[in-house]
Amino acid sequence: MNNQSLNWSDDIKYLSSNAVKIPESGGLYKVLRNDGENGKLTRVYLGKAENLRSQFNYHLSDSEENECLKRNVHNKECYFKYALLSGEDNRQNAESNLLSEGKYECNIQNQ
C-alpha cells in the first residue's frame, strides 16, 4: 500500500461528542496537537485499529496506558484524523512505512 494513496479524513477535534463522526471500520489514524503556530498541527501519535471509533474513545478514557498520549488528549487541543484501510497486514505495513517517515512523539517504538 502506497502511503500517498491513503485518503485521510478532515481533522476531527478530540471531544467525546465527536466519536459519532468516526467510523466503526478499520484503518490508520493520527493524533495531532494544535500548538498555536500558524495553524500547523504537531504529530503526536500514529496508530492502526480494527475499529477506529473504539480507538478514538479508548484514547479519551482513563484506561489509556500511553501516558504521553493520554496527557496530550486530556490537556491539549488535539485532533483525530483517519484513513480507512482494510486488512491487518495492510494496516501494519502502512503504519510501519509512516512511522519510518517521521517522528510521532508518543509512539513508544519510535522513541
C-alpha atoms as a PDB file:
ATOM      1  CA  MET A   1       0.000   0.000   0.000  1.00  0.00           C
ATOM      2  CA  ASN A   2       1.406   3.309  -1.085  1.00  0.00           C
ATOM      3  CA  ASN A   3       1.019   5.827   1.754  1.00  0.00           C
ATOM      4  CA  GLN A   4       0.314   8.617  -0.731  1.00  0.00           C
ATOM      5  CA  SER A   5      -2.839   6.770  -1.779  1.00  0.00           C
ATOM      6  CA  LEU A   6      -4.318   6.876   1.730  1.00  0.00           C
ATOM      7  CA  ASN A   7      -7.385   9.093   1.804  1.00  0.00           C
ATOM      8  CA  TRP A   8      -7.193  10.992   5.113  1.00  0.00           C
ATOM      9  CA  SER A   9     -10.264  12.476   6.767  1.00  0.00           C
ATOM     10  CA  ASP A  10     -10.562  16.072   7.863  1.00  0.00           C
ATOM     11  CA  ASP A  11      -9.229  16.899  11.328  1.00  0.00           C
ATOM     12  CA  ILE A  12     -11.791  15.957  13.989  1.00  0.00           C
ATOM     13  CA  LYS A  13     -11.407  17.739  17.321  1.00  0.00           C
ATOM     14  CA  TYR A  14     -10.749  15.321  20.182  1.00  0.00           C
ATOM     15  CA  LEU A  15     -14.029  15.575  22.106  1.00  0.00           C
ATOM     16  CA  SER A  16     -16.155  12.629  23.232  1.00  0.00           C
ATOM     17  CA  SER A  17     -19.144  14.182  21.446  1.00  0.00           C
ATOM     18  CA  ASN A  18     -17.277  13.806  18.133  1.00  0.00           C
ATOM     19  CA  ALA A  19     -16.989   9.999  18.408  1.00  0.00           C
ATOM     20  CA  VAL A  20     -20.076   9.635  16.187  1.00  0.00           C
ATOM     21  CA  LYS A  21     -18.050  11.196  13.343  1.00  0.00           C
ATOM     22  CA  ILE A  22     -15.578   8.294  13.427  1.00  0.00           C
ATOM     23  CA  PRO A  23     -16.492   5.114  11.527  1.00  0.00           C
ATOM     24  CA  GLU A  24     -16.512   1.718  13.211  1.00  0.00           C
ATOM     25  CA  SER A  25     -14.201   0.470  10.461  1.00  0.00           C
ATOM     26  CA  GLY A  26     -10.548  -0.475  10.310  1.00  0.00           C
ATOM     27  CA  GLY A  27      -7.804   1.923   9.346  1.00  0.00           C
ATOM     28  CA  LEU A  28      -4.913   4.121  10.346  1.00  0.00           C
ATOM     29  CA  TYR A  29      -5.199   7.235  12.447  1.00  0.00           C
ATOM     30  CA  LYS A  30      -3.140  10.176  13.595  1.00  0.00           C
ATOM     31  CA  VAL A  31      -3.473  12.237  16.748  1.00  0.00           C
ATOM     32  CA  LEU A  32      -2.352  15.804  16.125  1.00  0.00           C
ATOM     33  CA  ARG A  33      -1.893  18.696  18.561  1.00  0.00           C
ATOM     34  CA  ASN A  34      -2.503  22.377  17.970  1.00  0.00           C
ATOM     35  CA  ASP A  35       0.499  24.248  19.343  1.00  0.00           C
ATOM     36  CA  GLY A  36      -0.854  27.562  18.075  1.00  0.00           C
ATOM     37  CA  GLU A  37       1.816  28.002  15.424  1.00  0.00           C
ATOM     38  CA  ASN A  38       0.160  29.318  12.254  1.00  0.00           C
ATOM     39  CA  GLY A  39      -2.431  26.549  12.188  1.00  0.00           C
ATOM     40  CA  LYS A  40       0.270  23.889  11.924  1.00  0.00           C
ATOM     41  CA  LEU A  41      -0.517  20.695  13.847  1.00  0.00           C
ATOM     42  CA  THR A  42       2.189  18.681  15.609  1.00  0.00           C
ATOM     43  CA  ARG A  43       2.259  14.908  15.132  1.00  0.00           C
ATOM     44  CA  VAL A  44       1.576  13.232  18.457  1.00  0.00           C
ATOM     45  CA  TYR A  45       0.671   9.622  17.662  1.00  0.00           C
ATOM     46  CA  LEU A  46       0.140   7.264  14.750  1.00  0.00           C
ATOM     47  CA  GLY A  47      -1.801   4.050  15.164  1.00  0.00           C
ATOM     48  CA  LYS A  48      -3.906   1.418  13.489  1.00  0.00           C
ATOM     49  CA  ALA A  49      -7.208  -0.021  14.607  1.00  0.00           C
ATOM     50  CA  GLU A  50      -9.772  -2.594  13.611  1.00  0.00           C
ATOM     51  CA  ASN A  51     -12.447  -0.199  14.925  1.00  0.00           C
ATOM     52  CA  LEU A  52     -11.447   3.462  14.645  1.00  0.00           C
ATOM     53  CA  ARG A  53     -14.306   4.754  16.811  1.00  0.00           C
ATOM     54  CA  SER A  54     -13.421   2.401  19.666  1.00  0.00           C
ATOM     55  CA  GLN A  55      -9.794   3.531  19.465  1.00  0.00           C
ATOM     56  CA  PHE A  56     -10.845   7.209  19.489  1.00  0.00           C
ATOM     57  CA  ASN A  57     -12.879   6.578  22.655  1.00  0.00           C
ATOM     58  CA  TYR A  58     -10.132   4.485  24.274  1.00  0.00           C
ATOM     59  CA  HIS A  59      -7.645   7.355  23.975  1.00  0.00           C
ATOM     60  CA  LEU A  60     -10.121   9.593  25.824  1.00  0.00           C
ATOM     61  CA  SER A  61     -10.646   7.047  28.602  1.00  0.00           C
ATOM     62  CA  ASP A  62      -8.814   6.687  31.889  1.00  0.00           C
ATOM     63  CA  SER A  63      -7.791   3.205  30.682  1.00  0.00           C
ATOM     64  CA  GLU A  64      -5.367   4.657  28.128  1.00  0.00           C
ATOM     65  CA  GLU A  65      -1.939   3.220  29.005  1.00  0.00           C
ATOM     66  CA  ASN A  66       0.218   5.521  26.881  1.00  0.00           C
ATOM     67  CA  GLU A  67       0.795   8.375  29.350  1.00  0.00           C
ATOM     68  CA  CYS A  68       2.186  10.711  26.692  1.00  0.00           C
ATOM     69  CA  LEU A  69      -0.890  10.270  24.519  1.00  0.00           C
ATOM     70  CA  LYS A  70      -3.276  10.466  27.477  1.00  0.00           C
ATOM     71  CA  ARG A  71      -1.672  13.715  28.689  1.00  0.00           C
ATOM     72  CA  ASN A  72      -1.954  15.301  25.239  1.00  0.00           C
ATOM     73  CA  VAL A  73      -5.555  14.246  24.549  1.00  0.00           C
ATOM     74  CA  HIS A  74      -6.744  15.297  28.016  1.00  0.00           C
ATOM     75  CA  ASN A  75      -4.780  18.548  28.403  1.00  0.00           C
ATOM     76  CA  LYS A  76      -4.146  19.952  24.933  1.00  0.00           C
ATOM     77  CA  GLU A  77      -6.216  20.822  21.867  1.00  0.00           C
ATOM     78  CA  CYS A  78      -5.872  17.633  19.835  1.00  0.00           C
ATOM     79  CA  TYR A  79      -7.348  16.311  16.628  1.00  0.00           C
ATOM     80  CA  PHE A  80      -8.010  12.850  15.203  1.00  0.00           C
ATOM     81  CA  LYS A  81      -7.520  12.123  11.520  1.00  0.00           C
ATOM     82  CA  TYR A  82      -8.150   8.710   9.949  1.00  0.00           C
ATOM     83  CA  ALA A  83      -7.763   6.788   6.720  1.00  0.00           C
ATOM     84  CA  LEU A  84      -9.877   3.700   6.111  1.00  0.00           C
ATOM     85  CA  LEU A  85      -7.808   0.626   5.329  1.00  0.00           C
ATOM     86  CA  SER A  86      -8.986  -2.972   5.498  1.00  0.00           C
ATOM     87  CA  GLY A  87      -6.807  -5.928   6.449  1.00  0.00           C
ATOM     88  CA  GLU A  88      -4.450  -6.118   9.415  1.00  0.00           C
ATOM     89  CA  ASP A  89      -1.423  -6.757   7.160  1.00  0.00           C
ATOM     90  CA  ASN A  90      -2.228  -3.665   5.076  1.00  0.00           C
ATOM     91  CA  ARG A  91      -2.635  -1.544   8.221  1.00  0.00           C
ATOM     92  CA  GLN A  92       0.597  -2.887   9.741  1.00  0.00           C
ATOM     93  CA  ASN A  93       2.613  -2.196   6.569  1.00  0.00           C
ATOM     94  CA  ALA A  94       1.188   1.308   6.132  1.00  0.00           C
ATOM     95  CA  GLU A  95       1.772   2.137   9.810  1.00  0.00           C
ATOM     96  CA  SER A  96       5.396   0.927   9.636  1.00  0.00           C
ATOM     97  CA  ASN A  97       6.021   2.980   6.496  1.00  0.00           C
ATOM     98  CA  LEU A  98       4.544   6.146   8.019  1.00  0.00           C
ATOM     99  CA  LEU A  99       6.494   5.701  11.262  1.00  0.00           C
ATOM    100  CA  SER A 100       9.719   5.364   9.251  1.00  0.00           C
ATOM    101  CA  GLU A 101       8.964   8.680   7.506  1.00  0.00           C
ATOM    102  CA  GLY A 102       8.713  10.862  10.599  1.00  0.00           C
ATOM    103  CA  LYS A 103       8.586  11.121  14.352  1.00  0.00           C
ATOM    104  CA  TYR A 104       5.405  10.950  16.419  1.00  0.00           C
ATOM    105  CA  GLU A 105       6.288  11.976  19.977  1.00  0.00           C
ATOM    106  CA  CYS A 106       4.055   9.439  21.764  1.00  0.00           C
ATOM    107  CA  ASN A 107       4.830   6.349  19.694  1.00  0.00           C
ATOM    108  CA  ILE A 108       6.863   4.262  22.132  1.00  0.00           C
ATOM    109  CA  GLN A 109       8.525   2.129  19.450  1.00  0.00           C
ATOM    110  CA  ASN A 110       9.588   5.325  17.674  1.00  0.00           C
ATOM    111  CA  GLN A 111      11.362   6.969  20.626  1.00  0.00           C
END
